[in-house]
Amino acid sequence: MNRDEIEQEITDIIKKMLQLSFVDHDTVLIGTAGVLDSMTLIRLLAELEKRFDFTMDEEDLTLDSISSVKHLTEWVIQSKRENS
C-alpha cells in the first residue's frame, strides 16, 4: 500500500467508528478540537495494528504523532517499516 491508500484506509476507519461523513488528512484527532475521546483512540490504535499488521511501539507514540490523520498516517508507515 502506498501513503495515499494508507491515509484513505485510516480515514475510512475513523469515519466508520465515529459515524462521520467527512474526515480528511487535516482532521484533528485529539485535544479540545479533536474528534476522538480516549476510549475511541485506543480502539482506533488497536484496529490500525490489526489492519496494517504491525505492533505498536509505545515509545514512538506521541501526542504529535496522533494529532491528525496526516500525522497518524506517517506514524503507521514508520511503525510498519520498523516491524519489517
PDB file of N, CA and C in Angstrom:
ATOM      1  N   MET A   1       0.840  -1.193   0.000  1.00  0.00           N
ATOM      2  CA  MET A   1       0.000   0.000   0.000  1.00  0.00           C
ATOM      3  C   MET A   1       0.876   1.244   0.000  1.00  0.00           C
ATOM      4  N   ASN A   2       0.467   2.222  -0.770  1.00  0.00           N
ATOM      5  CA  ASN A   2       1.208   3.476  -0.749  1.00  0.00           C
ATOM      6  C   ASN A   2       0.616   4.415   0.306  1.00  0.00           C
ATOM      7  N   ARG A   3       1.250   5.559   0.489  1.00  0.00           N
ATOM      8  CA  ARG A   3       0.848   6.501   1.525  1.00  0.00           C
ATOM      9  C   ARG A   3      -0.611   6.933   1.377  1.00  0.00           C
ATOM     10  N   ASP A   4      -1.026   7.256   0.162  1.00  0.00           N
ATOM     11  CA  ASP A   4      -2.403   7.711  -0.059  1.00  0.00           C
ATOM     12  C   ASP A   4      -3.423   6.627   0.281  1.00  0.00           C
ATOM     13  N   GLU A   5      -3.102   5.389  -0.054  1.00  0.00           N
ATOM     14  CA  GLU A   5      -4.008   4.280   0.261  1.00  0.00           C
ATOM     15  C   GLU A   5      -4.105   4.063   1.769  1.00  0.00           C
ATOM     16  N   ILE A   6      -2.981   4.170   2.455  1.00  0.00           N
ATOM     17  CA  ILE A   6      -2.988   4.027   3.916  1.00  0.00           C
ATOM     18  C   ILE A   6      -3.800   5.147   4.544  1.00  0.00           C
ATOM     19  N   GLU A   7      -3.584   6.375   4.082  1.00  0.00           N
ATOM     20  CA  GLU A   7      -4.342   7.510   4.622  1.00  0.00           C
ATOM     21  C   GLU A   7      -5.840   7.346   4.369  1.00  0.00           C
ATOM     22  N   GLN A   8      -6.207   6.873   3.194  1.00  0.00           N
ATOM     23  CA  GLN A   8      -7.623   6.665   2.888  1.00  0.00           C
ATOM     24  C   GLN A   8      -8.222   5.592   3.790  1.00  0.00           C
ATOM     25  N   GLU A   9      -7.476   4.533   4.023  1.00  0.00           N
ATOM     26  CA  GLU A   9      -7.944   3.459   4.901  1.00  0.00           C
ATOM     27  C   GLU A   9      -8.145   3.977   6.326  1.00  0.00           C
ATOM     28  N   ILE A  10      -7.197   4.760   6.827  1.00  0.00           N
ATOM     29  CA  ILE A  10      -7.325   5.347   8.162  1.00  0.00           C
ATOM     30  C   ILE A  10      -8.539   6.266   8.219  1.00  0.00           C
ATOM     31  N   THR A  11      -8.705   7.085   7.208  1.00  0.00           N
ATOM     32  CA  THR A  11      -9.853   7.990   7.136  1.00  0.00           C
ATOM     33  C   THR A  11     -11.157   7.201   7.163  1.00  0.00           C
ATOM     34  N   ASP A  12     -11.224   6.128   6.393  1.00  0.00           N
ATOM     35  CA  ASP A  12     -12.436   5.302   6.351  1.00  0.00           C
ATOM     36  C   ASP A  12     -12.722   4.658   7.704  1.00  0.00           C
ATOM     37  N   ILE A  13     -11.684   4.195   8.379  1.00  0.00           N
ATOM     38  CA  ILE A  13     -11.852   3.583   9.701  1.00  0.00           C
ATOM     39  C   ILE A  13     -12.421   4.607  10.680  1.00  0.00           C
ATOM     40  N   ILE A  14     -11.866   5.807  10.685  1.00  0.00           N
ATOM     41  CA  ILE A  14     -12.335   6.855  11.599  1.00  0.00           C
ATOM     42  C   ILE A  14     -13.780   7.233  11.281  1.00  0.00           C
ATOM     43  N   LYS A  15     -14.092   7.393  10.009  1.00  0.00           N
ATOM     44  CA  LYS A  15     -15.473   7.714   9.614  1.00  0.00           C
ATOM     45  C   LYS A  15     -16.446   6.662  10.131  1.00  0.00           C
ATOM     46  N   LYS A  16     -16.084   5.403   9.943  1.00  0.00           N
ATOM     47  CA  LYS A  16     -16.958   4.315  10.370  1.00  0.00           C
ATOM     48  C   LYS A  16     -17.096   4.278  11.890  1.00  0.00           C
ATOM     49  N   MET A  17     -15.981   4.391  12.608  1.00  0.00           N
ATOM     50  CA  MET A  17     -16.016   4.341  14.071  1.00  0.00           C
ATOM     51  C   MET A  17     -16.874   5.452  14.666  1.00  0.00           C
ATOM     52  N   LEU A  18     -16.745   6.643  14.092  1.00  0.00           N
ATOM     53  CA  LEU A  18     -17.416   7.813  14.658  1.00  0.00           C
ATOM     54  C   LEU A  18     -18.684   8.201  13.909  1.00  0.00           C
ATOM     55  N   GLN A  19     -19.002   7.450  12.870  1.00  0.00           N
ATOM     56  CA  GLN A  19     -20.168   7.740  12.039  1.00  0.00           C
ATOM     57  C   GLN A  19     -20.146   9.187  11.546  1.00  0.00           C
ATOM     58  N   LEU A  20     -18.990   9.567  11.006  1.00  0.00           N
ATOM     59  CA  LEU A  20     -18.802  10.905  10.454  1.00  0.00           C
ATOM     60  C   LEU A  20     -18.882  10.840   8.936  1.00  0.00           C
ATOM     61  N   SER A  21     -19.383  11.894   8.332  1.00  0.00           N
ATOM     62  CA  SER A  21     -19.460  11.924   6.873  1.00  0.00           C
ATOM     63  C   SER A  21     -18.199  12.503   6.245  1.00  0.00           C
ATOM     64  N   PHE A  22     -17.428  13.284   7.013  1.00  0.00           N
ATOM     65  CA  PHE A  22     -16.239  13.912   6.445  1.00  0.00           C
ATOM     66  C   PHE A  22     -15.064  13.825   7.403  1.00  0.00           C
ATOM     67  N   VAL A  23     -13.983  13.265   6.906  1.00  0.00           N
ATOM     68  CA  VAL A  23     -12.701  13.227   7.605  1.00  0.00           C
ATOM     69  C   VAL A  23     -11.646  13.351   6.514  1.00  0.00           C
ATOM     70  N   ASP A  24     -10.656  14.224   6.714  1.00  0.00           N
ATOM     71  CA  ASP A  24      -9.558  14.319   5.751  1.00  0.00           C
ATOM     72  C   ASP A  24      -8.228  14.345   6.492  1.00  0.00           C
ATOM     73  N   HIS A  25      -7.125  14.565   5.758  1.00  0.00           N
ATOM     74  CA  HIS A  25      -5.794  14.468   6.379  1.00  0.00           C
ATOM     75  C   HIS A  25      -5.533  15.552   7.416  1.00  0.00           C
ATOM     76  N   ASP A  26      -6.299  16.628   7.390  1.00  0.00           N
ATOM     77  CA  ASP A  26      -6.129  17.698   8.378  1.00  0.00           C
ATOM     78  C   ASP A  26      -7.055  17.563   9.586  1.00  0.00           C
ATOM     79  N   THR A  27      -7.904  16.561   9.598  1.00  0.00           N
ATOM     80  CA  THR A  27      -8.830  16.391  10.715  1.00  0.00           C
ATOM     81  C   THR A  27      -8.045  16.225  12.012  1.00  0.00           C
ATOM     82  N   VAL A  28      -8.376  17.052  12.996  1.00  0.00           N
ATOM     83  CA  VAL A  28      -7.732  16.995  14.314  1.00  0.00           C
ATOM     84  C   VAL A  28      -8.329  15.817  15.074  1.00  0.00           C
ATOM     85  N   LEU A  29      -7.467  14.959  15.596  1.00  0.00           N
ATOM     86  CA  LEU A  29      -7.940  13.752  16.255  1.00  0.00           C
ATOM     87  C   LEU A  29      -8.036  13.880  17.766  1.00  0.00           C
ATOM     88  N   ILE A  30      -7.088  14.587  18.383  1.00  0.00           N
ATOM     89  CA  ILE A  30      -7.074  14.668  19.845  1.00  0.00           C
ATOM     90  C   ILE A  30      -6.980  16.118  20.289  1.00  0.00           C
ATOM     91  N   GLY A  31      -7.243  16.338  21.560  1.00  0.00           N
ATOM     92  CA  GLY A  31      -7.218  17.698  22.099  1.00  0.00           C
ATOM     93  C   GLY A  31      -8.622  18.275  22.137  1.00  0.00           C
ATOM     94  N   THR A  32      -8.717  19.540  22.481  1.00  0.00           N
ATOM     95  CA  THR A  32     -10.036  20.161  22.645  1.00  0.00           C
ATOM     96  C   THR A  32     -10.842  20.198  21.354  1.00  0.00           C
ATOM     97  N   ALA A  33     -10.183  20.282  20.211  1.00  0.00           N
ATOM     98  CA  ALA A  33     -10.891  20.296  18.924  1.00  0.00           C
ATOM     99  C   ALA A  33     -10.919  18.911  18.272  1.00  0.00           C
ATOM    100  N   GLY A  34     -10.396  17.919  18.966  1.00  0.00           N
ATOM    101  CA  GLY A  34     -10.278  16.587  18.384  1.00  0.00           C
ATOM    102  C   GLY A  34     -11.584  15.818  18.333  1.00  0.00           C
ATOM    103  N   VAL A  35     -11.666  14.890  17.395  1.00  0.00           N
ATOM    104  CA  VAL A  35     -12.874  14.091  17.215  1.00  0.00           C
ATOM    105  C   VAL A  35     -12.847  12.797  18.030  1.00  0.00           C
ATOM    106  N   LEU A  36     -11.695  12.443  18.612  1.00  0.00           N
ATOM    107  CA  LEU A  36     -11.572  11.191  19.353  1.00  0.00           C
ATOM    108  C   LEU A  36     -11.528  11.419  20.855  1.00  0.00           C
ATOM    109  N   ASP A  37     -12.258  10.583  21.588  1.00  0.00           N
ATOM    110  CA  ASP A  37     -12.070  10.554  23.034  1.00  0.00           C
ATOM    111  C   ASP A  37     -11.046   9.449  23.336  1.00  0.00           C
ATOM    112  N   SER A  38     -10.664   9.302  24.581  1.00  0.00           N
ATOM    113  CA  SER A  38      -9.573   8.380  24.915  1.00  0.00           C
ATOM    114  C   SER A  38      -9.910   6.924  24.587  1.00  0.00           C
ATOM    115  N   MET A  39     -11.127   6.500  24.840  1.00  0.00           N
ATOM    116  CA  MET A  39     -11.502   5.112  24.553  1.00  0.00           C
ATOM    117  C   MET A  39     -11.539   4.842  23.049  1.00  0.00           C
ATOM    118  N   THR A  40     -12.039   5.791  22.291  1.00  0.00           N
ATOM    119  CA  THR A  40     -12.082   5.623  20.840  1.00  0.00           C
ATOM    120  C   THR A  40     -10.672   5.616  20.266  1.00  0.00           C
ATOM    121  N   LEU A  41      -9.783   6.411  20.830  1.00  0.00           N
ATOM    122  CA  LEU A  41      -8.390   6.419  20.390  1.00  0.00           C
ATOM    123  C   LEU A  41      -7.764   5.043  20.588  1.00  0.00           C
ATOM    124  N   ILE A  42      -8.001   4.432  21.727  1.00  0.00           N
ATOM    125  CA  ILE A  42      -7.459   3.096  21.996  1.00  0.00           C
ATOM    126  C   ILE A  42      -8.017   2.084  21.003  1.00  0.00           C
ATOM    127  N   ARG A  43      -9.320   2.148  20.749  1.00  0.00           N
ATOM    128  CA  ARG A  43      -9.939   1.256  19.765  1.00  0.00           C
ATOM    129  C   ARG A  43      -9.348   1.474  18.372  1.00  0.00           C
ATOM    130  N   LEU A  44      -9.132   2.744  18.016  1.00  0.00           N
ATOM    131  CA  LEU A  44      -8.563   3.073  16.711  1.00  0.00           C
ATOM    132  C   LEU A  44      -7.153   2.509  16.577  1.00  0.00           C
ATOM    133  N   LEU A  45      -6.319   2.710  17.581  1.00  0.00           N
ATOM    134  CA  LEU A  45      -4.941   2.214  17.521  1.00  0.00           C
ATOM    135  C   LEU A  45      -4.909   0.691  17.416  1.00  0.00           C
ATOM    136  N   ALA A  46      -5.782   0.016  18.150  1.00  0.00           N
ATOM    137  CA  ALA A  46      -5.856  -1.447  18.065  1.00  0.00           C
ATOM    138  C   ALA A  46      -6.289  -1.885  16.669  1.00  0.00           C
ATOM    139  N   GLU A  47      -7.254  -1.195  16.097  1.00  0.00           N
ATOM    140  CA  GLU A  47      -7.718  -1.516  14.744  1.00  0.00           C
ATOM    141  C   GLU A  47      -6.612  -1.280  13.711  1.00  0.00           C
ATOM    142  N   LEU A  48      -5.850  -0.208  13.879  1.00  0.00           N
ATOM    143  CA  LEU A  48      -4.758   0.075  12.943  1.00  0.00           C
ATOM    144  C   LEU A  48      -3.682  -1.007  13.004  1.00  0.00           C
ATOM    145  N   GLU A  49      -3.352  -1.463  14.216  1.00  0.00           N
ATOM    146  CA  GLU A  49      -2.376  -2.547  14.357  1.00  0.00           C
ATOM    147  C   GLU A  49      -2.849  -3.789  13.606  1.00  0.00           C
ATOM    148  N   LYS A  50      -4.110  -4.099  13.782  1.00  0.00           N
ATOM    149  CA  LYS A  50      -4.680  -5.281  13.134  1.00  0.00           C
ATOM    150  C   LYS A  50      -4.747  -5.104  11.617  1.00  0.00           C
ATOM    151  N   ARG A  51      -5.266  -3.991  11.175  1.00  0.00           N
ATOM    152  CA  ARG A  51      -5.495  -3.749   9.748  1.00  0.00           C
ATOM    153  C   ARG A  51      -4.188  -3.657   8.962  1.00  0.00           C
ATOM    154  N   PHE A  52      -3.173  -3.017   9.559  1.00  0.00           N
ATOM    155  CA  PHE A  52      -1.917  -2.806   8.838  1.00  0.00           C
ATOM    156  C   PHE A  52      -0.808  -3.758   9.274  1.00  0.00           C
ATOM    157  N   ASP A  53      -1.142  -4.704  10.154  1.00  0.00           N
ATOM    158  CA  ASP A  53      -0.235  -5.779  10.547  1.00  0.00           C
ATOM    159  C   ASP A  53       1.110  -5.270  11.070  1.00  0.00           C
ATOM    160  N   PHE A  54       1.041  -4.519  12.163  1.00  0.00           N
ATOM    161  CA  PHE A  54       2.256  -4.087  12.844  1.00  0.00           C
ATOM    162  C   PHE A  54       1.992  -4.082  14.339  1.00  0.00           C
ATOM    163  N   THR A  55       3.072  -4.033  15.114  1.00  0.00           N
ATOM    164  CA  THR A  55       2.960  -3.939  16.563  1.00  0.00           C
ATOM    165  C   THR A  55       3.368  -2.544  16.977  1.00  0.00           C
ATOM    166  N   MET A  56       2.497  -1.905  17.732  1.00  0.00           N
ATOM    167  CA  MET A  56       2.721  -0.528  18.152  1.00  0.00           C
ATOM    168  C   MET A  56       3.889  -0.452  19.131  1.00  0.00           C
ATOM    169  N   ASP A  57       4.768   0.507  18.917  1.00  0.00           N
ATOM    170  CA  ASP A  57       5.848   0.803  19.851  1.00  0.00           C
ATOM    171  C   ASP A  57       5.432   2.050  20.617  1.00  0.00           C
ATOM    172  N   GLU A  58       5.068   1.864  21.876  1.00  0.00           N
ATOM    173  CA  GLU A  58       4.557   2.972  22.677  1.00  0.00           C
ATOM    174  C   GLU A  58       5.548   4.124  22.794  1.00  0.00           C
ATOM    175  N   GLU A  59       6.842   3.830  22.678  1.00  0.00           N
ATOM    176  CA  GLU A  59       7.853   4.888  22.763  1.00  0.00           C
ATOM    177  C   GLU A  59       7.755   5.860  21.592  1.00  0.00           C
ATOM    178  N   ASP A  60       7.300   5.363  20.453  1.00  0.00           N
ATOM    179  CA  ASP A  60       7.161   6.214  19.270  1.00  0.00           C
ATOM    180  C   ASP A  60       5.816   6.926  19.218  1.00  0.00           C
ATOM    181  N   LEU A  61       4.908   6.530  20.084  1.00  0.00           N
ATOM    182  CA  LEU A  61       3.569   7.110  20.104  1.00  0.00           C
ATOM    183  C   LEU A  61       3.582   8.386  20.942  1.00  0.00           C
ATOM    184  N   THR A  62       3.449   9.519  20.270  1.00  0.00           N
ATOM    185  CA  THR A  62       3.431  10.807  20.954  1.00  0.00           C
ATOM    186  C   THR A  62       2.138  11.528  20.619  1.00  0.00           C
ATOM    187  N   LEU A  63       1.832  12.563  21.371  1.00  0.00           N
ATOM    188  CA  LEU A  63       0.640  13.355  21.063  1.00  0.00           C
ATOM    189  C   LEU A  63       0.716  13.923  19.654  1.00  0.00           C
ATOM    190  N   ASP A  64       1.899  14.326  19.242  1.00  0.00           N
ATOM    191  CA  ASP A  64       2.053  14.867  17.895  1.00  0.00           C
ATOM    192  C   ASP A  64       1.795  13.807  16.828  1.00  0.00           C
ATOM    193  N   SER A  65       2.237  12.580  17.080  1.00  0.00           N
ATOM    194  CA  SER A  65       2.096  11.534  16.063  1.00  0.00           C
ATOM    195  C   SER A  65       0.652  11.102  15.844  1.00  0.00           C
ATOM    196  N   ILE A  66      -0.229  11.440  16.767  1.00  0.00           N
ATOM    197  CA  ILE A  66      -1.641  11.077  16.616  1.00  0.00           C
ATOM    198  C   ILE A  66      -2.546  12.305  16.606  1.00  0.00           C
ATOM    199  N   SER A  67      -1.969  13.457  16.367  1.00  0.00           N
ATOM    200  CA  SER A  67      -2.744  14.700  16.442  1.00  0.00           C
ATOM    201  C   SER A  67      -3.675  14.917  15.259  1.00  0.00           C
ATOM    202  N   SER A  68      -3.356  14.326  14.111  1.00  0.00           N
ATOM    203  CA  SER A  68      -4.196  14.491  12.917  1.00  0.00           C
ATOM    204  C   SER A  68      -4.100  13.226  12.075  1.00  0.00           C
ATOM    205  N   VAL A  69      -4.981  13.101  11.119  1.00  0.00           N
ATOM    206  CA  VAL A  69      -4.938  11.954  10.217  1.00  0.00           C
ATOM    207  C   VAL A  69      -3.596  11.921   9.485  1.00  0.00           C
ATOM    208  N   LYS A  70      -3.123  13.062   9.062  1.00  0.00           N
ATOM    209  CA  LYS A  70      -1.832  13.151   8.362  1.00  0.00           C
ATOM    210  C   LYS A  70      -0.697  12.605   9.226  1.00  0.00           C
ATOM    211  N   HIS A  71      -0.621  13.058  10.476  1.00  0.00           N
ATOM    212  CA  HIS A  71       0.443  12.594  11.370  1.00  0.00           C
ATOM    213  C   HIS A  71       0.268  11.121  11.722  1.00  0.00           C
ATOM    214  N   LEU A  72      -0.963  10.698  11.907  1.00  0.00           N
ATOM    215  CA  LEU A  72      -1.222   9.296  12.220  1.00  0.00           C
ATOM    216  C   LEU A  72      -0.804   8.399  11.053  1.00  0.00           C
ATOM    217  N   THR A  73      -1.046   8.838   9.847  1.00  0.00           N
ATOM    218  CA  THR A  73      -0.628   8.089   8.662  1.00  0.00           C
ATOM    219  C   THR A  73       0.887   7.918   8.644  1.00  0.00           C
ATOM    220  N   GLU A  74       1.610   8.987   8.910  1.00  0.00           N
ATOM    221  CA  GLU A  74       3.076   8.914   8.937  1.00  0.00           C
ATOM    222  C   GLU A  74       3.552   7.964  10.026  1.00  0.00           C
ATOM    223  N   TRP A  75       2.885   7.993  11.179  1.00  0.00           N
ATOM    224  CA  TRP A  75       3.247   7.110  12.283  1.00  0.00           C
ATOM    225  C   TRP A  75       3.022   5.647  11.902  1.00  0.00           C
ATOM    226  N   VAL A  76       1.895   5.348  11.250  1.00  0.00           N
ATOM    227  CA  VAL A  76       1.610   3.979  10.817  1.00  0.00           C
ATOM    228  C   VAL A  76       2.674   3.511   9.821  1.00  0.00           C
ATOM    229  N   ILE A  77       3.005   4.344   8.853  1.00  0.00           N
ATOM    230  CA  ILE A  77       4.023   3.988   7.857  1.00  0.00           C
ATOM    231  C   ILE A  77       5.358   3.702   8.538  1.00  0.00           C
ATOM    232  N   GLN A  78       5.758   4.565   9.457  1.00  0.00           N
ATOM    233  CA  GLN A  78       7.020   4.371  10.181  1.00  0.00           C
ATOM    234  C   GLN A  78       6.977   3.103  11.028  1.00  0.00           C
ATOM    235  N   SER A  79       5.868   2.859  11.696  1.00  0.00           N
ATOM    236  CA  SER A  79       5.732   1.660  12.528  1.00  0.00           C
ATOM    237  C   SER A  79       5.812   0.396  11.686  1.00  0.00           C
ATOM    238  N   LYS A  80       5.190   0.414  10.513  1.00  0.00           N
ATOM    239  CA  LYS A  80       5.265  -0.742   9.616  1.00  0.00           C
ATOM    240  C   LYS A  80       6.700  -0.984   9.157  1.00  0.00           C
ATOM    241  N   ARG A  81       7.423   0.079   8.852  1.00  0.00           N
ATOM    242  CA  ARG A  81       8.831  -0.059   8.432  1.00  0.00           C
ATOM    243  C   ARG A  81       9.661  -0.707   9.536  1.00  0.00           C
ATOM    244  N   GLU A  82       9.443  -0.246  10.762  1.00  0.00           N
ATOM    245  CA  GLU A  82      10.219  -0.755  11.893  1.00  0.00           C
ATOM    246  C   GLU A  82       9.887  -2.208  12.196  1.00  0.00           C
ATOM    247  N   ASN A  83       8.688  -2.645  11.845  1.00  0.00           N
ATOM    248  CA  ASN A  83       8.271  -4.026  12.096  1.00  0.00           C
ATOM    249  C   ASN A  83       8.654  -4.970  10.964  1.00  0.00           C
ATOM    250  N   SER A  84       9.185  -4.424   9.882  1.00  0.00           N
ATOM    251  CA  SER A  84       9.523  -5.274   8.719  1.00  0.00           C
ATOM    252  C   SER A  84      10.837  -5.990   8.918  1.00  0.00           C
TER     253      SER A  84
END
